[in-house]
Amino acid sequence: MSASADTMYSELAHVVQEVPGVAFLAPGLRSRLRSLRATSPLARPGDDTPGITVSAPSGDTRTTVEIRLICRSDRRTLDTTRAVREAVDHHLTTRYPGDEFRIIVTVTGVT
């Protein structure tokens, strides 16, 4: 993974965590496995941002950004989801003008 991809993951994690109503990003499978075994062969550089996946499917001109998060119970989940999508969209269009993104926000739990 390139340094710019690492930067994108860090930036997106910061943007998402600043949205009111977000408790935390959902832990991914690699993070769970890594916690069981510190030297997991699945661990890769740049894999330190659970809950965020960035991919560019072949044949699609858009980059897909998937955010998986846990919401706080004191806020409406729908409002939080919309706010996260808007914040991520604003960040990406400002930081990467001219690029097209498909943003998917999935709530995996409420705490």
PDB file of N, CA and C in Angstrom:
ATOM      1  N   MET A   1       0.850  -1.170   0.000  1.00  0.00           N
ATOM      2  CA  MET A   1       0.000   0.000   0.000  1.00  0.00           C
ATOM      3  C   MET A   1       0.897   1.233   0.000  1.00  0.00           C
ATOM      4  N   SER A   2       0.575   2.197  -0.794  1.00  0.00           N
ATOM      5  CA  SER A   2       1.414   3.384  -0.920  1.00  0.00           C
ATOM      6  C   SER A   2       1.219   4.331   0.258  1.00  0.00           C
ATOM      7  N   ALA A   3       2.163   5.243   0.382  1.00  0.00           N
ATOM      8  CA  ALA A   3       2.073   6.227   1.462  1.00  0.00           C
ATOM      9  C   ALA A   3       0.823   7.083   1.300  1.00  0.00           C
ATOM     10  N   SER A   4       0.447   7.401   0.052  1.00  0.00           N
ATOM     11  CA  SER A   4      -0.742   8.223  -0.155  1.00  0.00           C
ATOM     12  C   SER A   4      -2.014   7.483   0.262  1.00  0.00           C
ATOM     13  N   ALA A   5      -2.040   6.164   0.078  1.00  0.00           N
ATOM     14  CA  ALA A   5      -3.194   5.380   0.517  1.00  0.00           C
ATOM     15  C   ALA A   5      -3.255   5.358   2.043  1.00  0.00           C
ATOM     16  N   ASP A   6      -2.091   5.231   2.691  1.00  0.00           N
ATOM     17  CA  ASP A   6      -2.048   5.289   4.153  1.00  0.00           C
ATOM     18  C   ASP A   6      -2.575   6.623   4.643  1.00  0.00           C
ATOM     19  N   THR A   7      -2.197   7.694   3.962  1.00  0.00           N
ATOM     20  CA  THR A   7      -2.657   9.032   4.320  1.00  0.00           C
ATOM     21  C   THR A   7      -4.158   9.138   4.155  1.00  0.00           C
ATOM     22  N   MET A   8      -4.698   8.589   3.073  1.00  0.00           N
ATOM     23  CA  MET A   8      -6.142   8.641   2.835  1.00  0.00           C
ATOM     24  C   MET A   8      -6.893   7.924   3.949  1.00  0.00           C
ATOM     25  N   TYR A   9      -6.419   6.743   4.339  1.00  0.00           N
ATOM     26  CA  TYR A   9      -7.064   6.006   5.424  1.00  0.00           C
ATOM     27  C   TYR A   9      -7.057   6.819   6.714  1.00  0.00           C
ATOM     28  N   SER A  10      -5.928   7.415   7.045  1.00  0.00           N
ATOM     29  CA  SER A  10      -5.819   8.215   8.273  1.00  0.00           C
ATOM     30  C   SER A  10      -6.739   9.424   8.230  1.00  0.00           C
ATOM     31  N   GLU A  11      -6.757  10.101   7.094  1.00  0.00           N
ATOM     32  CA  GLU A  11      -7.617  11.279   6.939  1.00  0.00           C
ATOM     33  C   GLU A  11      -9.085  10.892   7.084  1.00  0.00           C
ATOM     34  N   LEU A  12      -9.495   9.823   6.411  1.00  0.00           N
ATOM     35  CA  LEU A  12     -10.890   9.394   6.476  1.00  0.00           C
ATOM     36  C   LEU A  12     -11.268   8.971   7.890  1.00  0.00           C
ATOM     37  N   ALA A  13     -10.373   8.269   8.571  1.00  0.00           N
ATOM     38  CA  ALA A  13     -10.658   7.866   9.956  1.00  0.00           C
ATOM     39  C   ALA A  13     -10.871   9.096  10.829  1.00  0.00           C
ATOM     40  N   HIS A  14     -10.047  10.115  10.649  1.00  0.00           N
ATOM     41  CA  HIS A  14     -10.186  11.344  11.436  1.00  0.00           C
ATOM     42  C   HIS A  14     -11.510  12.046  11.116  1.00  0.00           C
ATOM     43  N   VAL A  15     -11.852  12.137   9.840  1.00  0.00           N
ATOM     44  CA  VAL A  15     -13.098  12.785   9.419  1.00  0.00           C
ATOM     45  C   VAL A  15     -14.302  12.069  10.032  1.00  0.00           C
ATOM     46  N   VAL A  16     -14.317  10.748   9.949  1.00  0.00           N
ATOM     47  CA  VAL A  16     -15.452   9.970  10.468  1.00  0.00           C
ATOM     48  C   VAL A  16     -15.558  10.115  11.981  1.00  0.00           C
ATOM     49  N   GLN A  17     -14.448  10.031  12.679  1.00  0.00           N
ATOM     50  CA  GLN A  17     -14.479  10.082  14.140  1.00  0.00           C
ATOM     51  C   GLN A  17     -14.867  11.453  14.681  1.00  0.00           C
ATOM     52  N   GLU A  18     -14.779  12.489  13.861  1.00  0.00           N
ATOM     53  CA  GLU A  18     -15.175  13.832  14.272  1.00  0.00           C
ATOM     54  C   GLU A  18     -16.681  14.072  14.157  1.00  0.00           C
ATOM     55  N   VAL A  19     -17.402  13.179  13.483  1.00  0.00           N
ATOM     56  CA  VAL A  19     -18.841  13.351  13.294  1.00  0.00           C
ATOM     57  C   VAL A  19     -19.567  13.007  14.599  1.00  0.00           C
ATOM     58  N   PRO A  20     -20.427  13.911  15.079  1.00  0.00           N
ATOM     59  CA  PRO A  20     -21.191  13.616  16.295  1.00  0.00           C
ATOM     60  C   PRO A  20     -22.062  12.370  16.096  1.00  0.00           C
ATOM     61  N   GLY A  21     -22.067  11.514  17.081  1.00  0.00           N
ATOM     62  CA  GLY A  21     -22.861  10.303  17.004  1.00  0.00           C
ATOM     63  C   GLY A  21     -22.061   9.063  16.652  1.00  0.00           C
ATOM     64  N   VAL A  22     -20.816   9.243  16.194  1.00  0.00           N
ATOM     65  CA  VAL A  22     -19.963   8.101  15.880  1.00  0.00           C
ATOM     66  C   VAL A  22     -19.230   7.686  17.150  1.00  0.00           C
ATOM     67  N   ALA A  23     -19.405   6.422  17.532  1.00  0.00           N
ATOM     68  CA  ALA A  23     -18.689   5.906  18.701  1.00  0.00           C
ATOM     69  C   ALA A  23     -17.263   5.517  18.298  1.00  0.00           C
ATOM     70  N   PHE A  24     -17.157   4.685  17.255  1.00  0.00           N
ATOM     71  CA  PHE A  24     -15.849   4.284  16.745  1.00  0.00           C
ATOM     72  C   PHE A  24     -16.037   3.527  15.442  1.00  0.00           C
ATOM     73  N   LEU A  25     -14.943   3.344  14.713  1.00  0.00           N
ATOM     74  CA  LEU A  25     -14.966   2.554  13.489  1.00  0.00           C
ATOM     75  C   LEU A  25     -15.035   1.084  13.865  1.00  0.00           C
ATOM     76  N   ALA A  26     -15.762   0.322  13.088  1.00  0.00           N
ATOM     77  CA  ALA A  26     -15.932  -1.104  13.376  1.00  0.00           C
ATOM     78  C   ALA A  26     -14.625  -1.846  13.147  1.00  0.00           C
ATOM     79  N   PRO A  27     -14.249  -2.699  14.093  1.00  0.00           N
ATOM     80  CA  PRO A  27     -13.020  -3.472  13.896  1.00  0.00           C
ATOM     81  C   PRO A  27     -13.207  -4.480  12.775  1.00  0.00           C
ATOM     82  N   GLY A  28     -12.154  -4.674  11.998  1.00  0.00           N
ATOM     83  CA  GLY A  28     -12.215  -5.624  10.904  1.00  0.00           C
ATOM     84  C   GLY A  28     -11.673  -6.976  11.303  1.00  0.00           C
ATOM     85  N   LEU A  29     -11.797  -7.932  10.425  1.00  0.00           N
ATOM     86  CA  LEU A  29     -11.337  -9.287  10.684  1.00  0.00           C
ATOM     87  C   LEU A  29      -9.834  -9.318  10.936  1.00  0.00           C
ATOM     88  N   ARG A  30      -9.069  -8.594  10.133  1.00  0.00           N
ATOM     89  CA  ARG A  30      -7.614  -8.599  10.325  1.00  0.00           C
ATOM     90  C   ARG A  30      -7.230  -8.067  11.696  1.00  0.00           C
ATOM     91  N   SER A  31      -7.915  -7.018  12.143  1.00  0.00           N
ATOM     92  CA  SER A  31      -7.624  -6.459  13.458  1.00  0.00           C
ATOM     93  C   SER A  31      -7.948  -7.461  14.555  1.00  0.00           C
ATOM     94  N   ARG A  32      -9.039  -8.170  14.394  1.00  0.00           N
ATOM     95  CA  ARG A  32      -9.416  -9.172  15.391  1.00  0.00           C
ATOM     96  C   ARG A  32      -8.403 -10.306  15.428  1.00  0.00           C
ATOM     97  N   LEU A  33      -7.993 -10.763  14.257  1.00  0.00           N
ATOM     98  CA  LEU A  33      -6.998 -11.827  14.201  1.00  0.00           C
ATOM     99  C   LEU A  33      -5.651 -11.356  14.738  1.00  0.00           C
ATOM    100  N   ARG A  34      -5.278 -10.134  14.415  1.00  0.00           N
ATOM    101  CA  ARG A  34      -4.001  -9.588  14.870  1.00  0.00           C
ATOM    102  C   ARG A  34      -3.961  -9.510  16.386  1.00  0.00           C
ATOM    103  N   SER A  35      -5.094  -9.218  17.002  1.00  0.00           N
ATOM    104  CA  SER A  35      -5.113  -9.138  18.461  1.00  0.00           C
ATOM    105  C   SER A  35      -4.904 -10.513  19.091  1.00  0.00           C
ATOM    106  N   LEU A  36      -5.255 -11.572  18.370  1.00  0.00           N
ATOM    107  CA  LEU A  36      -5.039 -12.918  18.877  1.00  0.00           C
ATOM    108  C   LEU A  36      -3.580 -13.354  18.731  1.00  0.00           C
ATOM    109  N   ARG A  37      -2.948 -12.850  17.704  1.00  0.00           N
ATOM    110  CA  ARG A  37      -1.567 -13.258  17.422  1.00  0.00           C
ATOM    111  C   ARG A  37      -0.817 -12.051  16.879  1.00  0.00           C
ATOM    112  N   ALA A  38       0.069 -11.503  17.654  1.00  0.00           N
ATOM    113  CA  ALA A  38       0.748 -10.247  17.309  1.00  0.00           C
ATOM    114  C   ALA A  38       1.502 -10.322  15.991  1.00  0.00           C
ATOM    115  N   THR A  39       1.970 -11.478  15.606  1.00  0.00           N
ATOM    116  CA  THR A  39       2.736 -11.592  14.363  1.00  0.00           C
ATOM    117  C   THR A  39       1.905 -12.245  13.270  1.00  0.00           C
ATOM    118  N   SER A  40       0.636 -11.877  13.206  1.00  0.00           N
ATOM    119  CA  SER A  40      -0.277 -12.466  12.236  1.00  0.00           C
ATOM    120  C   SER A  40       0.243 -12.294  10.817  1.00  0.00           C
ATOM    121  N   PRO A  41       0.237 -13.358  10.003  1.00  0.00           N
ATOM    122  CA  PRO A  41       0.665 -13.234   8.616  1.00  0.00           C
ATOM    123  C   PRO A  41      -0.303 -12.393   7.784  1.00  0.00           C
ATOM    124  N   LEU A  42      -1.512 -12.141   8.326  1.00  0.00           N
ATOM    125  CA  LEU A  42      -2.482 -11.340   7.597  1.00  0.00           C
ATOM    126  C   LEU A  42      -2.243  -9.845   7.766  1.00  0.00           C
ATOM    127  N   ALA A  43      -1.449  -9.472   8.762  1.00  0.00           N
ATOM    128  CA  ALA A  43      -1.193  -8.054   9.009  1.00  0.00           C
ATOM    129  C   ALA A  43      -0.346  -7.485   7.877  1.00  0.00           C
ATOM    130  N   ARG A  44      -0.768  -6.334   7.398  1.00  0.00           N
ATOM    131  CA  ARG A  44      -0.043  -5.651   6.322  1.00  0.00           C
ATOM    132  C   ARG A  44       0.135  -4.200   6.713  1.00  0.00           C
ATOM    133  N   PRO A  45       1.169  -3.539   6.165  1.00  0.00           N
ATOM    134  CA  PRO A  45       1.297  -2.106   6.405  1.00  0.00           C
ATOM    135  C   PRO A  45       0.050  -1.386   5.910  1.00  0.00           C
ATOM    136  N   GLY A  46      -0.390  -0.390   6.639  1.00  0.00           N
ATOM    137  CA  GLY A  46      -1.558   0.371   6.230  1.00  0.00           C
ATOM    138  C   GLY A  46      -2.861  -0.264   6.647  1.00  0.00           C
ATOM    139  N   ASP A  47      -2.782  -1.399   7.329  1.00  0.00           N
ATOM    140  CA  ASP A  47      -3.981  -2.112   7.734  1.00  0.00           C
ATOM    141  C   ASP A  47      -4.431  -1.688   9.123  1.00  0.00           C
ATOM    142  N   ASP A  48      -3.939  -0.566   9.593  1.00  0.00           N
ATOM    143  CA  ASP A  48      -4.222  -0.128  10.944  1.00  0.00           C
ATOM    144  C   ASP A  48      -5.502   0.673  11.061  1.00  0.00           C
ATOM    145  N   THR A  49      -6.251   0.826   9.986  1.00  0.00           N
ATOM    146  CA  THR A  49      -7.489   1.595  10.018  1.00  0.00           C
ATOM    147  C   THR A  49      -8.662   0.662   9.770  1.00  0.00           C
ATOM    148  N   PRO A  50      -9.138   0.008  10.822  1.00  0.00           N
ATOM    149  CA  PRO A  50     -10.286  -0.864  10.638  1.00  0.00           C
ATOM    150  C   PRO A  50     -11.527  -0.039  10.330  1.00  0.00           C
ATOM    151  N   GLY A  51     -12.468  -0.643   9.643  1.00  0.00           N
ATOM    152  CA  GLY A  51     -13.721   0.034   9.360  1.00  0.00           C
ATOM    153  C   GLY A  51     -13.712   0.854   8.087  1.00  0.00           C
ATOM    154  N   ILE A  52     -12.590   0.926   7.410  1.00  0.00           N
ATOM    155  CA  ILE A  52     -12.520   1.687   6.159  1.00  0.00           C
ATOM    156  C   ILE A  52     -11.915   0.799   5.076  1.00  0.00           C
ATOM    157  N   THR A  53     -12.628   0.697   3.960  1.00  0.00           N
ATOM    158  CA  THR A  53     -12.129  -0.043   2.810  1.00  0.00           C
ATOM    159  C   THR A  53     -12.203   0.882   1.597  1.00  0.00           C
ATOM    160  N   VAL A  54     -11.111   0.967   0.868  1.00  0.00           N
ATOM    161  CA  VAL A  54     -11.071   1.764  -0.358  1.00  0.00           C
ATOM    162  C   VAL A  54     -10.696   0.821  -1.489  1.00  0.00           C
ATOM    163  N   SER A  55     -11.525   0.785  -2.526  1.00  0.00           N
ATOM    164  CA  SER A  55     -11.246  -0.098  -3.652  1.00  0.00           C
ATOM    165  C   SER A  55     -11.675   0.564  -4.953  1.00  0.00           C
ATOM    166  N   ALA A  56     -11.066   0.099  -6.027  1.00  0.00           N
ATOM    167  CA  ALA A  56     -11.417   0.584  -7.358  1.00  0.00           C
ATOM    168  C   ALA A  56     -11.776  -0.629  -8.207  1.00  0.00           C
ATOM    169  N   PRO A  57     -13.063  -1.011  -8.221  1.00  0.00           N
ATOM    170  CA  PRO A  57     -13.474  -2.174  -9.009  1.00  0.00           C
ATOM    171  C   PRO A  57     -13.142  -1.993 -10.486  1.00  0.00           C
ATOM    172  N   SER A  58     -12.692  -3.063 -11.119  1.00  0.00           N
ATOM    173  CA  SER A  58     -12.346  -2.965 -12.533  1.00  0.00           C
ATOM    174  C   SER A  58     -13.590  -2.630 -13.345  1.00  0.00           C
ATOM    175  N   GLY A  59     -13.422  -1.759 -14.305  1.00  0.00           N
ATOM    176  CA  GLY A  59     -14.529  -1.343 -15.148  1.00  0.00           C
ATOM    177  C   GLY A  59     -15.341  -0.191 -14.586  1.00  0.00           C
ATOM    178  N   ASP A  60     -15.047   0.233 -13.390  1.00  0.00           N
ATOM    179  CA  ASP A  60     -15.766   1.345 -12.766  1.00  0.00           C
ATOM    180  C   ASP A  60     -14.816   2.532 -12.665  1.00  0.00           C
ATOM    181  N   THR A  61     -15.279   3.697 -13.045  1.00  0.00           N
ATOM    182  CA  THR A  61     -14.433   4.892 -12.994  1.00  0.00           C
ATOM    183  C   THR A  61     -14.386   5.493 -11.598  1.00  0.00           C
ATOM    184  N   ARG A  62     -15.281   5.035 -10.721  1.00  0.00           N
ATOM    185  CA  ARG A  62     -15.332   5.571  -9.363  1.00  0.00           C
ATOM    186  C   ARG A  62     -14.553   4.681  -8.401  1.00  0.00           C
ATOM    187  N   THR A  63     -13.990   5.313  -7.405  1.00  0.00           N
ATOM    188  CA  THR A  63     -13.360   4.592  -6.304  1.00  0.00           C
ATOM    189  C   THR A  63     -14.421   4.399  -5.230  1.00  0.00           C
ATOM    190  N   THR A  64     -14.540   3.185  -4.739  1.00  0.00           N
ATOM    191  CA  THR A  64     -15.521   2.885  -3.708  1.00  0.00           C
ATOM    192  C   THR A  64     -14.874   3.028  -2.334  1.00  0.00           C
ATOM    193  N   VAL A  65     -15.508   3.825  -1.485  1.00  0.00           N
ATOM    194  CA  VAL A  65     -15.062   4.012  -0.105  1.00  0.00           C
ATOM    195  C   VAL A  65     -16.163   3.467   0.785  1.00  0.00           C
ATOM    196  N   GLU A  66     -15.830   2.420   1.546  1.00  0.00           N
ATOM    197  CA  GLU A  66     -16.811   1.830   2.450  1.00  0.00           C
ATOM    198  C   GLU A  66     -16.398   2.113   3.885  1.00  0.00           C
ATOM    199  N   ILE A  67     -17.333   2.671   4.642  1.00  0.00           N
ATOM    200  CA  ILE A  67     -17.115   3.010   6.038  1.00  0.00           C
ATOM    201  C   ILE A  67     -18.030   2.116   6.876  1.00  0.00           C
ATOM    202  N   ARG A  68     -17.462   1.392   7.836  1.00  0.00           N
ATOM    203  CA  ARG A  68     -18.239   0.582   8.770  1.00  0.00           C
ATOM    204  C   ARG A  68     -18.007   1.145  10.164  1.00  0.00           C
ATOM    205  N   LEU A  69     -19.097   1.479  10.857  1.00  0.00           N
ATOM    206  CA  LEU A  69     -18.945   2.151  12.141  1.00  0.00           C
ATOM    207  C   LEU A  69     -19.975   1.711  13.158  1.00  0.00           C
ATOM    208  N   ILE A  70     -19.696   2.080  14.398  1.00  0.00           N
ATOM    209  CA  ILE A  70     -20.594   1.862  15.517  1.00  0.00           C
ATOM    210  C   ILE A  70     -21.113   3.240  15.931  1.00  0.00           C
ATOM    211  N   CYS A  71     -22.424   3.369  16.077  1.00  0.00           N
ATOM    212  CA  CYS A  71     -23.033   4.651  16.453  1.00  0.00           C
ATOM    213  C   CYS A  71     -23.300   4.722  17.951  1.00  0.00           C
ATOM    214  N   ARG A  72     -23.395   5.934  18.449  1.00  0.00           N
ATOM    215  CA  ARG A  72     -23.783   6.168  19.850  1.00  0.00           C
ATOM    216  C   ARG A  72     -25.312   6.066  19.950  1.00  0.00           C
ATOM    217  N   SER A  73     -25.782   5.549  21.053  1.00  0.00           N
ATOM    218  CA  SER A  73     -27.223   5.341  21.217  1.00  0.00           C
ATOM    219  C   SER A  73     -27.984   6.629  21.523  1.00  0.00           C
ATOM    220  N   ASP A  74     -27.276   7.697  21.880  1.00  0.00           N
ATOM    221  CA  ASP A  74     -27.961   8.941  22.221  1.00  0.00           C
ATOM    222  C   ASP A  74     -28.264   9.809  20.997  1.00  0.00           C
ATOM    223  N   ARG A  75     -27.938   9.312  19.811  1.00  0.00           N
ATOM    224  CA  ARG A  75     -28.220  10.036  18.558  1.00  0.00           C
ATOM    225  C   ARG A  75     -28.957   9.123  17.595  1.00  0.00           C
ATOM    226  N   ARG A  76     -29.717   9.748  16.709  1.00  0.00           N
ATOM    227  CA  ARG A  76     -30.403   8.951  15.683  1.00  0.00           C
ATOM    228  C   ARG A  76     -29.381   8.391  14.705  1.00  0.00           C
ATOM    229  N   THR A  77     -29.458   7.093  14.478  1.00  0.00           N
ATOM    230  CA  THR A  77     -28.498   6.413  13.608  1.00  0.00           C
ATOM    231  C   THR A  77     -28.559   6.951  12.181  1.00  0.00           C
ATOM    232  N   LEU A  78     -29.756   7.203  11.690  1.00  0.00           N
ATOM    233  CA  LEU A  78     -29.905   7.719  10.331  1.00  0.00           C
ATOM    234  C   LEU A  78     -29.221   9.078  10.184  1.00  0.00           C
ATOM    235  N   ASP A  79     -29.397   9.960  11.160  1.00  0.00           N
ATOM    236  CA  ASP A  79     -28.748  11.277  11.102  1.00  0.00           C
ATOM    237  C   ASP A  79     -27.232  11.137  11.125  1.00  0.00           C
ATOM    238  N   THR A  80     -26.734  10.236  11.959  1.00  0.00           N
ATOM    239  CA  THR A  80     -25.290  10.019  12.046  1.00  0.00           C
ATOM    240  C   THR A  80     -24.753   9.479  10.729  1.00  0.00           C
ATOM    241  N   THR A  81     -25.457   8.521  10.144  1.00  0.00           N
ATOM    242  CA  THR A  81     -25.039   7.932   8.872  1.00  0.00           C
ATOM    243  C   THR A  81     -24.981   8.982   7.771  1.00  0.00           C
ATOM    244  N   ARG A  82     -25.997   9.802   7.693  1.00  0.00           N
ATOM    245  CA  ARG A  82     -26.022  10.878   6.685  1.00  0.00           C
ATOM    246  C   ARG A  82     -24.891  11.875   6.915  1.00  0.00           C
ATOM    247  N   ALA A  83     -24.650  12.225   8.171  1.00  0.00           N
ATOM    248  CA  ALA A  83     -23.587  13.180   8.491  1.00  0.00           C
ATOM    249  C   ALA A  83     -22.212  12.613   8.134  1.00  0.00           C
ATOM    250  N   VAL A  84     -22.011  11.334   8.370  1.00  0.00           N
ATOM    251  CA  VAL A  84     -20.735  10.699   8.005  1.00  0.00           C
ATOM    252  C   VAL A  84     -20.561  10.723   6.497  1.00  0.00           C
ATOM    253  N   ARG A  85     -21.603  10.358   5.773  1.00  0.00           N
ATOM    254  CA  ARG A  85     -21.507  10.342   4.311  1.00  0.00           C
ATOM    255  C   ARG A  85     -21.194  11.739   3.760  1.00  0.00           C
ATOM    256  N   GLU A  86     -21.875  12.756   4.292  1.00  0.00           N
ATOM    257  CA  GLU A  86     -21.638  14.129   3.849  1.00  0.00           C
ATOM    258  C   GLU A  86     -20.223  14.588   4.193  1.00  0.00           C
ATOM    259  N   ALA A  87     -19.746  14.259   5.384  1.00  0.00           N
ATOM    260  CA  ALA A  87     -18.402  14.662   5.797  1.00  0.00           C
ATOM    261  C   ALA A  87     -17.335  13.995   4.933  1.00  0.00           C
ATOM    262  N   VAL A  88     -17.507  12.708   4.663  1.00  0.00           N
ATOM    263  CA  VAL A  88     -16.550  11.979   3.826  1.00  0.00           C
ATOM    264  C   VAL A  88     -16.597  12.510   2.393  1.00  0.00           C
ATOM    265  N   ASP A  89     -17.796  12.733   1.871  1.00  0.00           N
ATOM    266  CA  ASP A  89     -17.940  13.275   0.520  1.00  0.00           C
ATOM    267  C   ASP A  89     -17.276  14.645   0.407  1.00  0.00           C
ATOM    268  N   HIS A  90     -17.515  15.513   1.370  1.00  0.00           N
ATOM    269  CA  HIS A  90     -16.902  16.847   1.354  1.00  0.00           C
ATOM    270  C   HIS A  90     -15.378  16.745   1.402  1.00  0.00           C
ATOM    271  N   HIS A  91     -14.868  15.891   2.275  1.00  0.00           N
ATOM    272  CA  HIS A  91     -13.414  15.733   2.388  1.00  0.00           C
ATOM    273  C   HIS A  91     -12.804  15.228   1.079  1.00  0.00           C
ATOM    274  N   LEU A  92     -13.414  14.193   0.496  1.00  0.00           N
ATOM    275  CA  LEU A  92     -12.855  13.602  -0.719  1.00  0.00           C
ATOM    276  C   LEU A  92     -12.927  14.550  -1.913  1.00  0.00           C
ATOM    277  N   THR A  93     -14.047  15.266  -2.075  1.00  0.00           N
ATOM    278  CA  THR A  93     -14.160  16.176  -3.214  1.00  0.00           C
ATOM    279  C   THR A  93     -13.229  17.381  -3.063  1.00  0.00           C
ATOM    280  N   THR A  94     -12.948  17.757  -1.818  1.00  0.00           N
ATOM    281  CA  THR A  94     -12.011  18.863  -1.576  1.00  0.00           C
ATOM    282  C   THR A  94     -10.571  18.405  -1.757  1.00  0.00           C
ATOM    283  N   ARG A  95     -10.242  17.259  -1.202  1.00  0.00           N
ATOM    284  CA  ARG A  95      -8.861  16.757  -1.197  1.00  0.00           C
ATOM    285  C   ARG A  95      -8.461  16.145  -2.534  1.00  0.00           C
ATOM    286  N   TYR A  96      -9.403  15.522  -3.225  1.00  0.00           N
ATOM    287  CA  TYR A  96      -9.120  14.833  -4.492  1.00  0.00           C
ATOM    288  C   TYR A  96     -10.074  15.323  -5.580  1.00  0.00           C
ATOM    289  N   PRO A  97      -9.941  16.604  -5.988  1.00  0.00           N
ATOM    290  CA  PRO A  97     -10.863  17.144  -7.005  1.00  0.00           C
ATOM    291  C   PRO A  97     -10.702  16.409  -8.338  1.00  0.00           C
ATOM    292  N   GLY A  98     -11.813  16.207  -8.989  1.00  0.00           N
ATOM    293  CA  GLY A  98     -11.792  15.534 -10.285  1.00  0.00           C
ATOM    294  C   GLY A  98     -11.977  14.029 -10.191  1.00  0.00           C
ATOM    295  N   ASP A  99     -11.731  13.457  -9.020  1.00  0.00           N
ATOM    296  CA  ASP A  99     -11.936  12.021  -8.840  1.00  0.00           C
ATOM    297  C   ASP A  99     -13.386  11.769  -8.446  1.00  0.00           C
ATOM    298  N   GLU A 100     -13.900  10.620  -8.844  1.00  0.00           N
ATOM    299  CA  GLU A 100     -15.276  10.248  -8.499  1.00  0.00           C
ATOM    300  C   GLU A 100     -15.243   9.157  -7.442  1.00  0.00           C
ATOM    301  N   PHE A 101     -16.106   9.293  -6.453  1.00  0.00           N
ATOM    302  CA  PHE A 101     -16.159   8.341  -5.361  1.00  0.00           C
ATOM    303  C   PHE A 101     -17.573   7.839  -5.149  1.00  0.00           C
ATOM    304  N   ARG A 102     -17.671   6.594  -4.790  1.00  0.00           N
ATOM    305  CA  ARG A 102     -18.925   5.976  -4.355  1.00  0.00           C
ATOM    306  C   ARG A 102     -18.732   5.708  -2.866  1.00  0.00           C
ATOM    307  N   ILE A 103     -19.572   6.305  -2.043  1.00  0.00           N
ATOM    308  CA  ILE A 103     -19.416   6.209  -0.600  1.00  0.00           C
ATOM    309  C   ILE A 103     -20.530   5.346  -0.008  1.00  0.00           C
ATOM    310  N   ILE A 104     -20.130   4.323   0.722  1.00  0.00           N
ATOM    311  CA  ILE A 104     -21.070   3.423   1.381  1.00  0.00           C
ATOM    312  C   ILE A 104     -20.808   3.505   2.881  1.00  0.00           C
ATOM    313  N   VAL A 105     -21.839   3.812   3.648  1.00  0.00           N
ATOM    314  CA  VAL A 105     -21.721   3.864   5.098  1.00  0.00           C
ATOM    315  C   VAL A 105     -22.609   2.772   5.682  1.00  0.00           C
ATOM    316  N   THR A 106     -22.016   1.886   6.474  1.00  0.00           N
ATOM    317  CA  THR A 106     -22.738   0.786   7.091  1.00  0.00           C
ATOM    318  C   THR A 106     -22.580   0.879   8.605  1.00  0.00           C
ATOM    319  N   VAL A 107     -23.704   0.858   9.291  1.00  0.00           N
ATOM    320  CA  VAL A 107     -23.692   0.851  10.753  1.00  0.00           C
ATOM    321  C   VAL A 107     -23.737  -0.611  11.186  1.00  0.00           C
ATOM    322  N   THR A 108     -22.720  -1.033  11.927  1.00  0.00           N
ATOM    323  CA  THR A 108     -22.642  -2.432  12.340  1.00  0.00           C
ATOM    324  C   THR A 108     -23.038  -2.640  13.798  1.00  0.00           C
ATOM    325  N   GLY A 109     -23.339  -1.525  14.491  1.00  0.00           N
ATOM    326  CA  GLY A 109     -23.766  -1.651  15.880  1.00  0.00           C
ATOM    327  C   GLY A 109     -24.081  -0.317  16.497  1.00  0.00           C
ATOM    328  N   VAL A 110     -24.706  -0.362  17.661  1.00  0.00           N
ATOM    329  CA  VAL A 110     -25.045   0.839  18.416  1.00  0.00           C
ATOM    330  C   VAL A 110     -24.587   0.599  19.852  1.00  0.00           C
ATOM    331  N   THR A 111     -23.947   1.599  20.420  1.00  0.00           N
ATOM    332  CA  THR A 111     -23.475   1.459  21.792  1.00  0.00           C
ATOM    333  C   THR A 111     -23.951   2.601  22.674  1.00  0.00           C
TER     334      THR A 111
END
